[in-house]
């Protein structure tokens, strides 16, 4: 009888920690075989997932013995937390374990998109020497605007300030007297997008935040502004963003998350031909180092729960 099922990739050392005490089935391809997963989950006391495993509906109903869920990351929109709570199933995100990785992703893309020249290697290879056309901008002296000012956004703020940027943020859920505001100017969302050179999103996907970054907000951004989304795909109206990029309203954008994941060929056609756009497959929080941290934190949490501690 399998106690723990792991449906997506996890650091092997952390998997071995679980195997040492409980019957554990580890198959990182199981997420792509929902029928097999549904058949297996009936005996599981714990389930370990990333963002692609949809723990809801028939799968959650089949998991009759489930006691806890370990999330290899922090977003919980792929998990029916309401039903889990009603059934007494504990859900444990790996809070804090991948903050650094996401922060570095944001800063590195801000560098790349402001400098712009890094996207033109093919022209240099072809024998061109377009120096005057590829003069980009420096990060120092620019304004970083953070939409959401939780732990990851604060990591971005620390690094942005160390590079000479000023930082502003919008977070209606963070009290005005919170100490975090000592390191960032507090703004409304509309004021932030007008003032920031780089807008980085750090909000969950909720009915209120879906398409929060729409055509009107994109139009209000600074000419030459940059948008980075390593939060959740549905926060941005992708069609509106593509239109703004094609029109030259924005200098660039980096998307690590999408409304449809994995991004299908059909869904990806909207992005074709947009030069000043970086697309990555939901890996902002995944580095060699963060995978070890996230996996270990998750394994320790699951073990503690199953031991009854």
C-alpha atoms as a PDB file:
ATOM      1  CA  UNK A   1       0.000   0.000   0.000  1.00  0.00           C
ATOM      2  CA  UNK A   2       1.542   3.299  -1.108  1.00  0.00           C
ATOM      3  CA  UNK A   3       1.673   5.967   1.588  1.00  0.00           C
ATOM      4  CA  UNK A   4       3.178   8.820  -0.437  1.00  0.00           C
ATOM      5  CA  UNK A   5       2.763   9.594  -4.145  1.00  0.00           C
ATOM      6  CA  UNK A   6       5.002  12.160  -5.855  1.00  0.00           C
ATOM      7  CA  UNK A   7       3.628  13.205  -9.226  1.00  0.00           C
ATOM      8  CA  UNK A   8       6.251  15.678 -10.478  1.00  0.00           C
ATOM      9  CA  UNK A   9      10.016  16.082 -10.292  1.00  0.00           C
ATOM     10  CA  UNK A  10      11.627  16.270  -6.865  1.00  0.00           C
ATOM     11  CA  UNK A  11      15.204  16.206  -5.640  1.00  0.00           C
ATOM     12  CA  UNK A  12      16.249  12.560  -5.251  1.00  0.00           C
ATOM     13  CA  UNK A  13      17.787  13.105  -1.810  1.00  0.00           C
ATOM     14  CA  UNK A  14      14.440  14.378  -0.532  1.00  0.00           C
ATOM     15  CA  UNK A  15      12.643  11.444  -2.143  1.00  0.00           C
ATOM     16  CA  UNK A  16      15.033   9.112  -0.310  1.00  0.00           C
ATOM     17  CA  UNK A  17      14.140  10.833   2.983  1.00  0.00           C
ATOM     18  CA  UNK A  18      10.512   9.870   2.408  1.00  0.00           C
ATOM     19  CA  UNK A  19      11.332   6.347   1.233  1.00  0.00           C
ATOM     20  CA  UNK A  20      13.345   5.711   4.379  1.00  0.00           C
ATOM     21  CA  UNK A  21      10.183   5.833   6.511  1.00  0.00           C
ATOM     22  CA  UNK A  22       7.171   5.314   4.253  1.00  0.00           C
ATOM     23  CA  UNK A  23       6.165   3.387   1.145  1.00  0.00           C
ATOM     24  CA  UNK A  24       6.731   6.028  -1.528  1.00  0.00           C
ATOM     25  CA  UNK A  25       5.949   6.017  -5.246  1.00  0.00           C
ATOM     26  CA  UNK A  26       7.952   8.584  -7.212  1.00  0.00           C
ATOM     27  CA  UNK A  27       7.111   9.082 -10.879  1.00  0.00           C
ATOM     28  CA  UNK A  28       7.664  12.594 -12.269  1.00  0.00           C
ATOM     29  CA  UNK A  29       5.704  11.614 -15.398  1.00  0.00           C
ATOM     30  CA  UNK A  30       2.614  10.649 -13.412  1.00  0.00           C
ATOM     31  CA  UNK A  31       1.194  14.156 -13.836  1.00  0.00           C
ATOM     32  CA  UNK A  32       0.760  13.377 -17.542  1.00  0.00           C
ATOM     33  CA  UNK A  33      -1.235  10.190 -16.855  1.00  0.00           C
ATOM     34  CA  UNK A  34      -4.245  11.367 -14.825  1.00  0.00           C
ATOM     35  CA  UNK A  35      -6.028   8.027 -15.188  1.00  0.00           C
ATOM     36  CA  UNK A  36      -3.148   6.099 -13.623  1.00  0.00           C
ATOM     37  CA  UNK A  37      -2.786   8.712 -10.913  1.00  0.00           C
ATOM     38  CA  UNK A  38      -6.478   8.515 -10.053  1.00  0.00           C
ATOM     39  CA  UNK A  39      -6.227   4.716  -9.794  1.00  0.00           C
ATOM     40  CA  UNK A  40      -3.182   4.890  -7.511  1.00  0.00           C
ATOM     41  CA  UNK A  41      -4.216   7.682  -5.186  1.00  0.00           C
ATOM     42  CA  UNK A  42      -6.875   5.703  -3.287  1.00  0.00           C
ATOM     43  CA  UNK A  43      -4.368   4.356  -0.740  1.00  0.00           C
ATOM     44  CA  UNK A  44      -2.174   7.436  -0.415  1.00  0.00           C
ATOM     45  CA  UNK A  45      -1.860   9.277   2.877  1.00  0.00           C
ATOM     46  CA  UNK A  46       0.204  12.050   1.281  1.00  0.00           C
ATOM     47  CA  UNK A  47       0.489  13.559  -2.179  1.00  0.00           C
ATOM     48  CA  UNK A  48       3.437  15.693  -3.333  1.00  0.00           C
ATOM     49  CA  UNK A  49       2.822  17.908  -6.375  1.00  0.00           C
ATOM     50  CA  UNK A  50       4.107  20.924  -8.250  1.00  0.00           C
ATOM     51  CA  UNK A  51       1.873  23.289 -10.204  1.00  0.00           C
ATOM     52  CA  UNK A  52       0.702  21.007 -13.011  1.00  0.00           C
ATOM     53  CA  UNK A  53      -1.092  18.355 -10.949  1.00  0.00           C
ATOM     54  CA  UNK A  54      -4.718  19.444 -10.623  1.00  0.00           C
ATOM     55  CA  UNK A  55      -5.805  18.219  -7.206  1.00  0.00           C
ATOM     56  CA  UNK A  56      -9.522  18.735  -7.485  1.00  0.00           C
ATOM     57  CA  UNK A  57     -12.666  16.984  -8.705  1.00  0.00           C
ATOM     58  CA  UNK A  58     -12.359  13.282  -9.480  1.00  0.00           C
ATOM     59  CA  UNK A  59      -8.732  13.048  -8.364  1.00  0.00           C
ATOM     60  CA  UNK A  60      -9.417  14.538  -4.954  1.00  0.00           C
ATOM     61  CA  UNK A  61     -12.553  12.448  -4.580  1.00  0.00           C
ATOM     62  CA  UNK A  62     -10.554   9.289  -5.304  1.00  0.00           C
ATOM     63  CA  UNK A  63      -8.011  10.139  -2.602  1.00  0.00           C
ATOM     64  CA  UNK A  64     -10.133   8.796   0.245  1.00  0.00           C
ATOM     65  CA  UNK A  65      -7.250   8.275   2.699  1.00  0.00           C
ATOM     66  CA  UNK A  66      -5.452  11.525   1.949  1.00  0.00           C
ATOM     67  CA  UNK A  67      -4.150  13.340   5.029  1.00  0.00           C
ATOM     68  CA  UNK A  68      -1.819  15.963   3.592  1.00  0.00           C
ATOM     69  CA  UNK A  69      -0.498  17.553   0.410  1.00  0.00           C
ATOM     70  CA  UNK A  70       3.029  18.856  -0.097  1.00  0.00           C
ATOM     71  CA  UNK A  71       3.298  21.607  -2.703  1.00  0.00           C
ATOM     72  CA  UNK A  72       6.756  21.878  -4.294  1.00  0.00           C
ATOM     73  CA  UNK A  73       6.378  25.646  -4.587  1.00  0.00           C
ATOM     74  CA  UNK A  74       4.024  28.249  -3.165  1.00  0.00           C
ATOM     75  CA  UNK A  75       1.073  28.781  -5.538  1.00  0.00           C
ATOM     76  CA  UNK A  76      -2.047  26.838  -4.593  1.00  0.00           C
ATOM     77  CA  UNK A  77      -4.411  27.563  -7.495  1.00  0.00           C
ATOM     78  CA  UNK A  78      -4.011  23.970  -8.767  1.00  0.00           C
ATOM     79  CA  UNK A  79      -5.311  22.609  -5.451  1.00  0.00           C
ATOM     80  CA  UNK A  80      -8.911  22.726  -4.251  1.00  0.00           C
ATOM     81  CA  UNK A  81      -7.965  24.085  -0.843  1.00  0.00           C
ATOM     82  CA  UNK A  82     -11.590  24.571   0.214  1.00  0.00           C
ATOM     83  CA  UNK A  83     -12.423  20.888  -0.224  1.00  0.00           C
ATOM     84  CA  UNK A  84      -9.129  19.876   1.351  1.00  0.00           C
ATOM     85  CA  UNK A  85      -9.910  22.063   4.356  1.00  0.00           C
ATOM     86  CA  UNK A  86     -13.439  20.659   4.681  1.00  0.00           C
ATOM     87  CA  UNK A  87     -12.024  17.124   4.663  1.00  0.00           C
ATOM     88  CA  UNK A  88      -9.238  17.922   7.111  1.00  0.00           C
ATOM     89  CA  UNK A  89      -6.497  17.488   4.494  1.00  0.00           C
ATOM     90  CA  UNK A  90      -3.538  19.723   5.353  1.00  0.00           C
ATOM     91  CA  UNK A  91      -1.900  21.587   2.465  1.00  0.00           C
ATOM     92  CA  UNK A  92       1.753  22.583   2.892  1.00  0.00           C
ATOM     93  CA  UNK A  93       3.376  25.007   0.426  1.00  0.00           C
ATOM     94  CA  UNK A  94       7.171  25.306   0.531  1.00  0.00           C
ATOM     95  CA  UNK A  95       6.974  28.916   1.664  1.00  0.00           C
ATOM     96  CA  UNK A  96      10.215  30.850   1.282  1.00  0.00           C
ATOM     97  CA  UNK A  97      12.248  28.058  -0.272  1.00  0.00           C
ATOM     98  CA  UNK A  98      12.276  29.454  -3.824  1.00  0.00           C
ATOM     99  CA  UNK A  99      12.048  33.200  -3.112  1.00  0.00           C
ATOM    100  CA  UNK A 100      15.662  33.826  -4.091  1.00  0.00           C
ATOM    101  CA  UNK A 101      15.327  32.018  -7.420  1.00  0.00           C
ATOM    102  CA  UNK A 102      12.288  34.078  -8.448  1.00  0.00           C
ATOM    103  CA  UNK A 103      13.929  37.321  -7.358  1.00  0.00           C
ATOM    104  CA  UNK A 104      17.002  36.577  -9.472  1.00  0.00           C
ATOM    105  CA  UNK A 105      14.761  35.726 -12.432  1.00  0.00           C
ATOM    106  CA  UNK A 106      13.072  39.122 -12.178  1.00  0.00           C
ATOM    107  CA  UNK A 107      16.329  41.056 -11.884  1.00  0.00           C
ATOM    108  CA  UNK A 108      18.058  39.161 -14.703  1.00  0.00           C
ATOM    109  CA  UNK A 109      15.171  39.784 -17.083  1.00  0.00           C
ATOM    110  CA  UNK A 110      15.052  43.459 -16.115  1.00  0.00           C
ATOM    111  CA  UNK A 111      18.732  43.671 -17.065  1.00  0.00           C
ATOM    112  CA  UNK A 112      18.236  41.846 -20.356  1.00  0.00           C
ATOM    113  CA  UNK A 113      15.156  43.725 -21.514  1.00  0.00           C
ATOM    114  CA  UNK A 114      16.496  47.160 -20.631  1.00  0.00           C
ATOM    115  CA  UNK A 115      19.809  46.468 -22.362  1.00  0.00           C
ATOM    116  CA  UNK A 116      18.006  44.918 -25.343  1.00  0.00           C
ATOM    117  CA  UNK A 117      21.202  44.178 -27.270  1.00  0.00           C
ATOM    118  CA  UNK A 118      21.376  40.619 -25.916  1.00  0.00           C
ATOM    119  CA  UNK A 119      18.523  39.697 -28.258  1.00  0.00           C
ATOM    120  CA  UNK A 120      20.530  40.449 -31.398  1.00  0.00           C
ATOM    121  CA  UNK A 121      23.322  37.862 -31.485  1.00  0.00           C
ATOM    122  CA  UNK A 122      22.099  36.647 -34.879  1.00  0.00           C
ATOM    123  CA  UNK A 123      22.837  40.055 -36.437  1.00  0.00           C
ATOM    124  CA  UNK A 124      26.400  40.040 -35.120  1.00  0.00           C
ATOM    125  CA  UNK A 125      26.896  36.472 -36.350  1.00  0.00           C
ATOM    126  CA  UNK A 126      25.622  37.577 -39.757  1.00  0.00           C
ATOM    127  CA  UNK A 127      28.419  40.138 -39.996  1.00  0.00           C
ATOM    128  CA  UNK A 128      26.477  43.214 -38.993  1.00  0.00           C
ATOM    129  CA  UNK A 129      27.911  45.664 -36.469  1.00  0.00           C
ATOM    130  CA  UNK A 130      24.834  47.674 -35.340  1.00  0.00           C
ATOM    131  CA  UNK A 131      26.370  49.444 -32.340  1.00  0.00           C
ATOM    132  CA  UNK A 132      24.343  52.642 -32.456  1.00  0.00           C
ATOM    133  CA  UNK A 133      21.081  50.737 -32.926  1.00  0.00           C
ATOM    134  CA  UNK A 134      21.713  48.521 -29.909  1.00  0.00           C
ATOM    135  CA  UNK A 135      22.501  51.058 -27.222  1.00  0.00           C
ATOM    136  CA  UNK A 136      20.367  49.960 -24.292  1.00  0.00           C
ATOM    137  CA  UNK A 137      19.588  51.381 -20.876  1.00  0.00           C
ATOM    138  CA  UNK A 138      21.057  50.869 -17.414  1.00  0.00           C
ATOM    139  CA  UNK A 139      19.116  49.453 -14.485  1.00  0.00           C
ATOM    140  CA  UNK A 140      20.609  51.941 -12.032  1.00  0.00           C
ATOM    141  CA  UNK A 141      18.454  55.015 -11.598  1.00  0.00           C
ATOM    142  CA  UNK A 142      15.285  53.296 -12.810  1.00  0.00           C
ATOM    143  CA  UNK A 143      12.119  52.626 -10.811  1.00  0.00           C
ATOM    144  CA  UNK A 144      11.108  49.072  -9.912  1.00  0.00           C
ATOM    145  CA  UNK A 145       7.354  48.714  -9.412  1.00  0.00           C
ATOM    146  CA  UNK A 146       6.197  45.645  -7.502  1.00  0.00           C
ATOM    147  CA  UNK A 147       2.563  44.581  -7.735  1.00  0.00           C
ATOM    148  CA  UNK A 148       2.160  42.618  -4.525  1.00  0.00           C
ATOM    149  CA  UNK A 149       4.708  43.133  -1.757  1.00  0.00           C
ATOM    150  CA  UNK A 150       5.064  39.748  -0.110  1.00  0.00           C
ATOM    151  CA  UNK A 151       8.247  37.829   0.632  1.00  0.00           C
ATOM    152  CA  UNK A 152       9.366  37.304  -2.983  1.00  0.00           C
ATOM    153  CA  UNK A 153       8.693  40.908  -3.960  1.00  0.00           C
ATOM    154  CA  UNK A 154      10.731  42.065  -0.972  1.00  0.00           C
ATOM    155  CA  UNK A 155      13.645  39.931  -2.149  1.00  0.00           C
ATOM    156  CA  UNK A 156      13.364  41.670  -5.517  1.00  0.00           C
ATOM    157  CA  UNK A 157      13.259  45.043  -3.767  1.00  0.00           C
ATOM    158  CA  UNK A 158      16.462  44.339  -1.827  1.00  0.00           C
ATOM    159  CA  UNK A 159      18.351  43.414  -4.989  1.00  0.00           C
ATOM    160  CA  UNK A 160      16.897  46.259  -7.031  1.00  0.00           C
ATOM    161  CA  UNK A 161      17.943  48.811  -4.421  1.00  0.00           C
ATOM    162  CA  UNK A 162      21.439  47.338  -4.243  1.00  0.00           C
ATOM    163  CA  UNK A 163      21.682  47.967  -8.008  1.00  0.00           C
ATOM    164  CA  UNK A 164      20.708  51.616  -7.647  1.00  0.00           C
ATOM    165  CA  UNK A 165      16.992  51.373  -8.389  1.00  0.00           C
ATOM    166  CA  UNK A 166      14.260  53.036  -6.378  1.00  0.00           C
ATOM    167  CA  UNK A 167      11.349  50.795  -5.407  1.00  0.00           C
ATOM    168  CA  UNK A 168       7.601  51.392  -5.263  1.00  0.00           C
ATOM    169  CA  UNK A 169       4.937  48.795  -4.535  1.00  0.00           C
ATOM    170  CA  UNK A 170       1.200  48.180  -4.538  1.00  0.00           C
ATOM    171  CA  UNK A 171      -0.337  45.782  -2.032  1.00  0.00           C
ATOM    172  CA  UNK A 172      -3.812  46.555  -0.665  1.00  0.00           C
ATOM    173  CA  UNK A 173      -3.535  43.665   1.809  1.00  0.00           C
ATOM    174  CA  UNK A 174      -0.364  44.892   3.499  1.00  0.00           C
ATOM    175  CA  UNK A 175      -1.236  47.333   6.318  1.00  0.00           C
ATOM    176  CA  UNK A 176       0.071  50.880   6.004  1.00  0.00           C
ATOM    177  CA  UNK A 177       2.062  50.497   9.221  1.00  0.00           C
ATOM    178  CA  UNK A 178       3.817  47.290   8.130  1.00  0.00           C
ATOM    179  CA  UNK A 179       7.619  47.585   8.451  1.00  0.00           C
ATOM    180  CA  UNK A 180       8.061  46.499   4.822  1.00  0.00           C
ATOM    181  CA  UNK A 181       6.851  49.903   3.643  1.00  0.00           C
ATOM    182  CA  UNK A 182      10.006  51.468   5.054  1.00  0.00           C
ATOM    183  CA  UNK A 183      11.864  50.102   2.030  1.00  0.00           C
ATOM    184  CA  UNK A 184       9.353  50.983  -0.705  1.00  0.00           C
ATOM    185  CA  UNK A 185       7.024  53.780  -1.686  1.00  0.00           C
ATOM    186  CA  UNK A 186       3.354  52.825  -1.374  1.00  0.00           C
ATOM    187  CA  UNK A 187       1.296  53.410  -4.520  1.00  0.00           C
ATOM    188  CA  UNK A 188      -2.077  52.641  -6.034  1.00  0.00           C
ATOM    189  CA  UNK A 189      -1.891  50.234  -8.949  1.00  0.00           C
ATOM    190  CA  UNK A 190      -2.630  52.994 -11.453  1.00  0.00           C
ATOM    191  CA  UNK A 191       0.056  55.276 -10.004  1.00  0.00           C
ATOM    192  CA  UNK A 192       2.580  52.452  -9.944  1.00  0.00           C
ATOM    193  CA  UNK A 193       2.284  51.564 -13.622  1.00  0.00           C
ATOM    194  CA  UNK A 194       2.609  55.232 -14.596  1.00  0.00           C
ATOM    195  CA  UNK A 195       5.775  55.703 -12.543  1.00  0.00           C
ATOM    196  CA  UNK A 196       7.683  52.406 -12.820  1.00  0.00           C
ATOM    197  CA  UNK A 197      10.226  51.602 -15.516  1.00  0.00           C
ATOM    198  CA  UNK A 198       9.968  47.906 -14.643  1.00  0.00           C
ATOM    199  CA  UNK A 199       6.680  46.417 -13.404  1.00  0.00           C
ATOM    200  CA  UNK A 200       7.034  43.011 -11.756  1.00  0.00           C
ATOM    201  CA  UNK A 201       3.963  40.995 -10.724  1.00  0.00           C
ATOM    202  CA  UNK A 202       3.798  39.098  -7.428  1.00  0.00           C
ATOM    203  CA  UNK A 203       0.120  38.352  -6.863  1.00  0.00           C
ATOM    204  CA  UNK A 204      -1.891  35.130  -6.647  1.00  0.00           C
ATOM    205  CA  UNK A 205      -4.529  34.368  -9.265  1.00  0.00           C
ATOM    206  CA  UNK A 206      -7.974  35.074  -7.863  1.00  0.00           C
ATOM    207  CA  UNK A 207     -11.233  36.234  -9.425  1.00  0.00           C
ATOM    208  CA  UNK A 208     -10.185  39.770  -8.436  1.00  0.00           C
ATOM    209  CA  UNK A 209      -6.708  39.576 -10.001  1.00  0.00           C
ATOM    210  CA  UNK A 210      -7.642  37.773 -13.238  1.00  0.00           C
ATOM    211  CA  UNK A 211      -6.682  40.062 -16.139  1.00  0.00           C
ATOM    212  CA  UNK A 212      -5.790  42.741 -13.603  1.00  0.00           C
ATOM    213  CA  UNK A 213      -3.108  43.873 -16.056  1.00  0.00           C
ATOM    214  CA  UNK A 214      -5.433  44.739 -18.923  1.00  0.00           C
ATOM    215  CA  UNK A 215      -5.282  46.993 -21.982  1.00  0.00           C
ATOM    216  CA  UNK A 216      -5.999  50.144 -19.985  1.00  0.00           C
ATOM    217  CA  UNK A 217      -3.234  49.536 -17.447  1.00  0.00           C
ATOM    218  CA  UNK A 218      -0.770  48.579 -20.173  1.00  0.00           C
ATOM    219  CA  UNK A 219      -1.618  51.818 -21.986  1.00  0.00           C
ATOM    220  CA  UNK A 220      -0.942  53.734 -18.773  1.00  0.00           C
ATOM    221  CA  UNK A 221       2.572  52.312 -18.405  1.00  0.00           C
ATOM    222  CA  UNK A 222       5.579  54.499 -19.074  1.00  0.00           C
ATOM    223  CA  UNK A 223       6.689  54.583 -22.709  1.00  0.00           C
ATOM    224  CA  UNK A 224       9.589  52.149 -22.813  1.00  0.00           C
ATOM    225  CA  UNK A 225       8.332  50.311 -19.727  1.00  0.00           C
ATOM    226  CA  UNK A 226       8.942  46.623 -19.084  1.00  0.00           C
ATOM    227  CA  UNK A 227       6.547  44.031 -17.647  1.00  0.00           C
ATOM    228  CA  UNK A 228       7.714  40.848 -15.886  1.00  0.00           C
ATOM    229  CA  UNK A 229       5.268  38.168 -14.789  1.00  0.00           C
ATOM    230  CA  UNK A 230       6.605  35.304 -12.703  1.00  0.00           C
ATOM    231  CA  UNK A 231       3.420  35.086 -10.603  1.00  0.00           C
ATOM    232  CA  UNK A 232       0.396  33.551 -12.354  1.00  0.00           C
ATOM    233  CA  UNK A 233      -0.518  33.682 -16.034  1.00  0.00           C
ATOM    234  CA  UNK A 234      -4.111  34.771 -15.745  1.00  0.00           C
ATOM    235  CA  UNK A 235      -3.115  37.990 -13.995  1.00  0.00           C
ATOM    236  CA  UNK A 236      -2.159  39.416 -17.409  1.00  0.00           C
ATOM    237  CA  UNK A 237      -4.445  39.784 -20.416  1.00  0.00           C
ATOM    238  CA  UNK A 238      -2.064  38.123 -22.882  1.00  0.00           C
ATOM    239  CA  UNK A 239      -3.822  39.420 -26.001  1.00  0.00           C
ATOM    240  CA  UNK A 240      -3.636  42.991 -24.698  1.00  0.00           C
ATOM    241  CA  UNK A 241       0.037  42.552 -23.815  1.00  0.00           C
ATOM    242  CA  UNK A 242       0.888  41.240 -27.267  1.00  0.00           C
ATOM    243  CA  UNK A 243      -0.908  44.207 -28.843  1.00  0.00           C
ATOM    244  CA  UNK A 244       1.032  46.648 -26.651  1.00  0.00           C
ATOM    245  CA  UNK A 245       4.349  45.008 -27.540  1.00  0.00           C
ATOM    246  CA  UNK A 246       3.591  44.940 -31.263  1.00  0.00           C
ATOM    247  CA  UNK A 247       2.596  48.608 -31.141  1.00  0.00           C
ATOM    248  CA  UNK A 248       5.888  49.520 -29.470  1.00  0.00           C
ATOM    249  CA  UNK A 249       4.146  50.865 -26.375  1.00  0.00           C
ATOM    250  CA  UNK A 250       6.343  48.708 -24.144  1.00  0.00           C
ATOM    251  CA  UNK A 251      10.063  48.088 -24.466  1.00  0.00           C
ATOM    252  CA  UNK A 252       9.639  44.441 -23.570  1.00  0.00           C
ATOM    253  CA  UNK A 253       8.135  41.758 -21.385  1.00  0.00           C
ATOM    254  CA  UNK A 254       9.129  38.494 -19.737  1.00  0.00           C
ATOM    255  CA  UNK A 255       6.505  35.836 -19.071  1.00  0.00           C
ATOM    256  CA  UNK A 256       7.232  32.735 -17.037  1.00  0.00           C
ATOM    257  CA  UNK A 257       3.562  31.879 -16.550  1.00  0.00           C
ATOM    258  CA  UNK A 258       0.621  31.630 -18.931  1.00  0.00           C
ATOM    259  CA  UNK A 259      -3.138  31.335 -18.909  1.00  0.00           C
ATOM    260  CA  UNK A 260      -2.731  27.893 -20.481  1.00  0.00           C
ATOM    261  CA  UNK A 261       0.043  25.662 -19.114  1.00  0.00           C
ATOM    262  CA  UNK A 262       1.772  23.920 -20.710  1.00  0.00           C
ATOM    263  CA  UNK A 263       1.461  26.457 -23.515  1.00  0.00           C
ATOM    264  CA  UNK A 264      -0.025  24.727 -26.553  1.00  0.00           C
ATOM    265  CA  UNK A 265       1.053  25.439 -30.123  1.00  0.00           C
ATOM    266  CA  UNK A 266      -2.292  27.089 -30.777  1.00  0.00           C
ATOM    267  CA  UNK A 267      -2.084  29.283 -27.678  1.00  0.00           C
ATOM    268  CA  UNK A 268       1.518  30.169 -28.472  1.00  0.00           C
ATOM    269  CA  UNK A 269       0.752  31.628 -31.902  1.00  0.00           C
ATOM    270  CA  UNK A 270      -0.250  34.974 -30.366  1.00  0.00           C
ATOM    271  CA  UNK A 271       3.383  35.493 -29.310  1.00  0.00           C
ATOM    272  CA  UNK A 272       4.957  34.734 -32.696  1.00  0.00           C
ATOM    273  CA  UNK A 273       7.141  37.430 -34.194  1.00  0.00           C
ATOM    274  CA  UNK A 274       7.364  39.587 -31.070  1.00  0.00           C
ATOM    275  CA  UNK A 275      11.062  40.275 -30.710  1.00  0.00           C
ATOM    276  CA  UNK A 276      11.154  42.016 -27.343  1.00  0.00           C
ATOM    277  CA  UNK A 277       9.555  39.155 -25.434  1.00  0.00           C
ATOM    278  CA  UNK A 278      11.130  36.485 -23.214  1.00  0.00           C
ATOM    279  CA  UNK A 279       9.075  33.323 -22.658  1.00  0.00           C
ATOM    280  CA  UNK A 280      10.053  30.601 -20.156  1.00  0.00           C
ATOM    281  CA  UNK A 281       8.117  27.473 -19.056  1.00  0.00           C
ATOM    282  CA  UNK A 282       7.246  28.314 -15.423  1.00  0.00           C
ATOM    283  CA  UNK A 283      10.794  27.910 -14.170  1.00  0.00           C
ATOM    284  CA  UNK A 284      11.437  31.222 -12.387  1.00  0.00           C
ATOM    285  CA  UNK A 285      11.382  29.508  -9.003  1.00  0.00           C
ATOM    286  CA  UNK A 286      13.279  26.421 -10.132  1.00  0.00           C
ATOM    287  CA  UNK A 287      17.059  26.396  -9.968  1.00  0.00           C
ATOM    288  CA  UNK A 288      19.379  23.565  -8.976  1.00  0.00           C
ATOM    289  CA  UNK A 289      19.692  25.133  -5.542  1.00  0.00           C
ATOM    290  CA  UNK A 290      16.041  26.050  -5.015  1.00  0.00           C
ATOM    291  CA  UNK A 291      14.913  22.568  -6.077  1.00  0.00           C
ATOM    292  CA  UNK A 292      17.016  21.117  -3.272  1.00  0.00           C
ATOM    293  CA  UNK A 293      15.592  23.604  -0.751  1.00  0.00           C
ATOM    294  CA  UNK A 294      11.966  23.222  -1.863  1.00  0.00           C
ATOM    295  CA  UNK A 295      12.196  19.423  -1.969  1.00  0.00           C
ATOM    296  CA  UNK A 296      13.808  19.152   1.457  1.00  0.00           C
ATOM    297  CA  UNK A 297      11.329  21.537   3.105  1.00  0.00           C
ATOM    298  CA  UNK A 298       8.440  19.591   1.573  1.00  0.00           C
ATOM    299  CA  UNK A 299       9.840  16.197   2.594  1.00  0.00           C
ATOM    300  CA  UNK A 300      10.415  17.360   6.173  1.00  0.00           C
ATOM    301  CA  UNK A 301       6.888  18.768   6.409  1.00  0.00           C
ATOM    302  CA  UNK A 302       5.274  15.603   5.055  1.00  0.00           C
ATOM    303  CA  UNK A 303       7.333  13.393   7.386  1.00  0.00           C
ATOM    304  CA  UNK A 304       6.399  15.519  10.391  1.00  0.00           C
ATOM    305  CA  UNK A 305       2.705  15.273   9.509  1.00  0.00           C
ATOM    306  CA  UNK A 306       2.693  11.518   8.887  1.00  0.00           C
ATOM    307  CA  UNK A 307       4.616  10.912  12.114  1.00  0.00           C
ATOM    308  CA  UNK A 308       1.868  12.783  13.952  1.00  0.00           C
ATOM    309  CA  UNK A 309       4.214  15.448  15.221  1.00  0.00           C
END
